[in-house]
């Protein structure tokens, strides 16, 4: 990513928060009924593996009062996604929707090939192929029984090994409520399996 200054979406959200977190969650919540109608609905988030100790600041999710940093913004939005998946899995018992996260590491994509020479050189050493990065996602979507993987994260793109997401349950519920408030869904009635 070349961006080194705080940007906002056209809706006024901090860029990473709006695109990597809020847009995904809004889509999840809006499409939950359609996803559940198959009888075996699956939602998979693609994510980076955030630092284990990182907890988002619920009073300043969009870095409006704190100093903005690209890495902090990106990783905070990833943790918010983990919290959402944890809470969604807790709430999903009403409907047949299974939700998980597949983490991908550095991947040699076309976007990376357009970066500076030193970024391309680094990626030739540390990155994997798009096919390898996608393997866990494809397996989750095609596996016969994904119930045990619901609410889990596949942290290592080289192994299909689920790890439970185990952030503080109150924090996960609070993030869910804040998200609904931001999306204007707090008072909306829904029979969605993710609500």
Protein backbone atom coordinates (compact mmCIF):
# COMPACT_ATOMS: atom_id res chain seq x y z
CA UNK A 1 0.00 0.00 0.00
CA UNK A 2 1.37 3.35 -0.97
CA UNK A 3 -1.04 5.36 1.20
CA UNK A 4 0.68 7.11 4.09
CA UNK A 5 -1.95 9.62 5.18
CA UNK A 6 -5.36 9.22 6.74
CA UNK A 7 -8.10 9.02 4.12
CA UNK A 8 -11.85 8.67 4.37
CA UNK A 9 -14.41 6.89 2.25
CA UNK A 10 -17.09 8.86 0.39
CA UNK A 11 -19.33 8.20 3.42
CA UNK A 12 -16.80 9.82 5.74
CA UNK A 13 -15.40 6.69 7.42
CA UNK A 14 -11.69 6.17 7.95
CA UNK A 15 -10.61 4.20 4.88
CA UNK A 16 -9.52 0.87 6.43
CA UNK A 17 -12.36 0.93 8.97
CA UNK A 18 -14.93 1.66 6.27
CA UNK A 19 -13.74 -0.77 3.63
CA UNK A 20 -12.11 -3.60 5.54
CA UNK A 21 -14.54 -3.68 8.41
CA UNK A 22 -17.81 -1.78 8.14
CA UNK A 23 -18.60 -2.59 4.51
CA UNK A 24 -18.00 -6.31 5.05
CA UNK A 25 -20.15 -6.40 8.16
CA UNK A 26 -22.93 -4.42 6.56
CA UNK A 27 -22.94 -6.87 3.67
CA UNK A 28 -22.95 -9.84 6.05
CA UNK A 29 -25.91 -8.49 7.98
CA UNK A 30 -27.91 -7.45 4.91
CA UNK A 31 -27.40 -10.75 3.07
CA UNK A 32 -27.79 -13.09 6.05
CA UNK A 33 -31.32 -14.19 5.11
CA UNK A 34 -30.28 -15.01 1.55
CA UNK A 35 -27.16 -16.84 2.75
CA UNK A 36 -29.19 -18.85 5.28
CA UNK A 37 -31.82 -19.85 2.70
CA UNK A 38 -29.47 -22.47 1.23
CA UNK A 39 -29.69 -24.45 4.46
CA UNK A 40 -25.88 -24.42 4.68
CA UNK A 41 -24.94 -20.76 4.50
CA UNK A 42 -21.27 -19.88 4.70
CA UNK A 43 -19.53 -16.57 5.16
CA UNK A 44 -15.77 -16.39 5.08
CA UNK A 45 -13.71 -13.30 5.81
CA UNK A 46 -10.25 -12.99 4.32
CA UNK A 47 -7.94 -11.28 6.77
CA UNK A 48 -4.43 -10.65 7.90
CA UNK A 49 -3.40 -12.14 11.20
CA UNK A 50 -3.47 -9.23 13.66
CA UNK A 51 -1.06 -8.92 16.59
CA UNK A 52 -2.35 -11.05 19.45
CA UNK A 53 -2.42 -8.27 22.05
CA UNK A 54 -4.09 -5.64 19.87
CA UNK A 55 -7.49 -4.51 21.15
CA UNK A 56 -9.33 -1.72 19.31
CA UNK A 57 -10.15 1.50 21.11
CA UNK A 58 -13.96 1.52 21.06
CA UNK A 59 -14.01 5.22 21.85
CA UNK A 60 -11.93 6.06 18.77
CA UNK A 61 -12.41 3.29 16.20
CA UNK A 62 -11.57 5.57 13.29
CA UNK A 63 -8.45 7.26 14.71
CA UNK A 64 -10.10 10.66 14.89
CA UNK A 65 -8.49 11.64 18.20
CA UNK A 66 -5.41 9.41 18.20
CA UNK A 67 -2.54 9.70 15.78
CA UNK A 68 -3.35 7.76 12.62
CA UNK A 69 -0.87 5.17 11.38
CA UNK A 70 -1.45 2.94 8.38
CA UNK A 71 -0.44 -0.28 10.14
CA UNK A 72 -2.49 0.52 13.24
CA UNK A 73 -5.52 1.33 11.15
CA UNK A 74 -5.24 -1.83 9.07
CA UNK A 75 -4.66 -4.13 12.04
CA UNK A 76 -7.42 -2.51 14.11
CA UNK A 77 -9.91 -3.17 11.32
CA UNK A 78 -8.75 -6.82 11.20
CA UNK A 79 -9.30 -7.25 14.96
CA UNK A 80 -12.77 -5.74 14.59
CA UNK A 81 -13.49 -8.37 11.94
CA UNK A 82 -12.35 -11.14 14.31
CA UNK A 83 -14.63 -9.76 17.02
CA UNK A 84 -17.55 -9.70 14.60
CA UNK A 85 -17.00 -13.29 13.50
CA UNK A 86 -16.77 -14.41 17.13
CA UNK A 87 -20.05 -12.69 18.00
CA UNK A 88 -21.78 -13.76 14.78
CA UNK A 89 -20.94 -17.40 15.49
CA UNK A 90 -22.37 -17.02 19.00
CA UNK A 91 -25.60 -15.61 17.58
CA UNK A 92 -25.91 -17.89 14.56
CA UNK A 93 -27.53 -20.83 16.36
CA UNK A 94 -30.95 -19.70 15.12
CA UNK A 95 -30.11 -20.11 11.43
CA UNK A 96 -27.84 -22.33 9.29
CA UNK A 97 -25.02 -19.86 8.77
CA UNK A 98 -21.39 -20.73 9.43
CA UNK A 99 -18.86 -17.93 9.57
CA UNK A 100 -15.07 -18.04 9.84
CA UNK A 101 -11.88 -16.17 8.94
CA UNK A 102 -9.07 -17.31 6.69
CA UNK A 103 -5.84 -15.42 7.26
CA UNK A 104 -3.52 -14.95 4.36
CA UNK A 105 0.07 -13.94 4.57
CA UNK A 106 2.05 -11.87 2.10
CA UNK A 107 0.82 -12.85 -1.35
CA UNK A 108 2.40 -12.10 -4.71
CA UNK A 109 -0.49 -10.34 -6.41
CA UNK A 110 -0.63 -8.11 -9.47
CA UNK A 111 -0.81 -5.10 -7.13
CA UNK A 112 2.51 -6.10 -5.56
CA UNK A 113 4.07 -6.46 -9.00
CA UNK A 114 3.37 -2.75 -9.54
CA UNK A 115 5.13 -1.71 -6.32
CA UNK A 116 8.67 -0.38 -5.99
CA UNK A 117 11.50 -2.77 -6.88
CA UNK A 118 12.46 -3.35 -3.25
CA UNK A 119 8.88 -4.35 -2.32
CA UNK A 120 8.81 -6.81 -5.25
CA UNK A 121 12.22 -8.18 -4.17
CA UNK A 122 11.04 -8.63 -0.57
CA UNK A 123 7.89 -10.39 -1.72
CA UNK A 124 9.84 -12.84 -3.85
CA UNK A 125 11.41 -14.00 -0.57
CA UNK A 126 8.46 -13.87 1.88
CA UNK A 127 5.31 -14.17 -0.23
CA UNK A 128 3.29 -17.13 -1.33
CA UNK A 129 1.17 -17.62 -4.43
CA UNK A 130 -2.46 -16.52 -4.69
CA UNK A 131 -3.42 -20.19 -5.02
CA UNK A 132 -1.73 -21.06 -1.71
CA UNK A 133 -3.30 -18.07 0.03
CA UNK A 134 -6.75 -19.10 -1.23
CA UNK A 135 -6.49 -22.79 -0.25
CA UNK A 136 -8.11 -22.53 3.20
CA UNK A 137 -10.90 -20.32 1.89
CA UNK A 138 -11.73 -22.77 -0.89
CA UNK A 139 -11.66 -25.73 1.48
CA UNK A 140 -13.96 -24.00 3.99
CA UNK A 141 -16.45 -23.18 1.24
CA UNK A 142 -16.41 -26.71 -0.20
CA UNK A 143 -16.08 -28.88 2.90
CA UNK A 144 -19.02 -31.15 3.66
CA UNK A 145 -19.35 -30.16 7.32
CA UNK A 146 -18.03 -26.76 8.40
CA UNK A 147 -19.96 -26.57 11.65
CA UNK A 148 -16.80 -27.21 13.74
CA UNK A 149 -15.05 -24.33 11.94
CA UNK A 150 -17.78 -21.78 12.56
CA UNK A 151 -16.47 -18.95 14.68
CA UNK A 152 -12.88 -20.02 14.09
CA UNK A 153 -9.91 -18.59 12.26
CA UNK A 154 -7.50 -20.36 9.96
CA UNK A 155 -4.39 -18.49 11.02
CA UNK A 156 -1.82 -20.28 8.90
CA UNK A 157 -2.45 -20.26 5.14
CA UNK A 158 -0.24 -23.34 4.79
CA UNK A 159 -2.43 -25.56 7.00
CA UNK A 160 -6.16 -26.16 7.27
CA UNK A 161 -6.19 -25.89 11.05
CA UNK A 162 -8.90 -23.97 12.84
CA UNK A 163 -8.22 -21.90 15.93
CA UNK A 164 -11.07 -20.63 18.08
CA UNK A 165 -11.48 -16.88 18.20
CA UNK A 166 -11.51 -16.08 21.90
CA UNK A 167 -11.56 -12.36 22.51
CA UNK A 168 -13.45 -11.02 25.51
CA UNK A 169 -17.14 -11.83 24.97
CA UNK A 170 -18.33 -8.46 26.29
CA UNK A 171 -15.96 -6.67 23.92
CA UNK A 172 -17.27 -8.70 20.98
CA UNK A 173 -20.89 -7.87 21.90
CA UNK A 174 -20.04 -4.18 22.32
CA UNK A 175 -18.35 -4.06 18.91
CA UNK A 176 -21.43 -5.72 17.39
CA UNK A 177 -23.72 -3.11 18.96
CA UNK A 178 -21.50 -0.23 17.87
CA UNK A 179 -21.50 -1.61 14.33
CA UNK A 180 -25.27 -1.87 14.25
CA UNK A 181 -25.50 1.71 15.49
CA UNK A 182 -23.13 2.93 12.77
CA UNK A 183 -25.08 1.05 10.12
CA UNK A 184 -28.40 2.38 11.42
CA UNK A 185 -29.58 -1.16 12.11
CA UNK A 186 -29.97 -1.03 15.88
CA UNK A 187 -33.73 -0.53 15.76
CA UNK A 188 -34.33 -2.46 12.54
CA UNK A 189 -36.26 -5.66 12.94
CA UNK A 190 -34.59 -8.67 11.40
CA UNK A 191 -34.95 -12.42 11.50
CA UNK A 192 -31.39 -12.78 10.28
CA UNK A 193 -29.30 -15.59 11.72
CA UNK A 194 -26.50 -13.11 12.31
CA UNK A 195 -28.58 -10.84 14.54
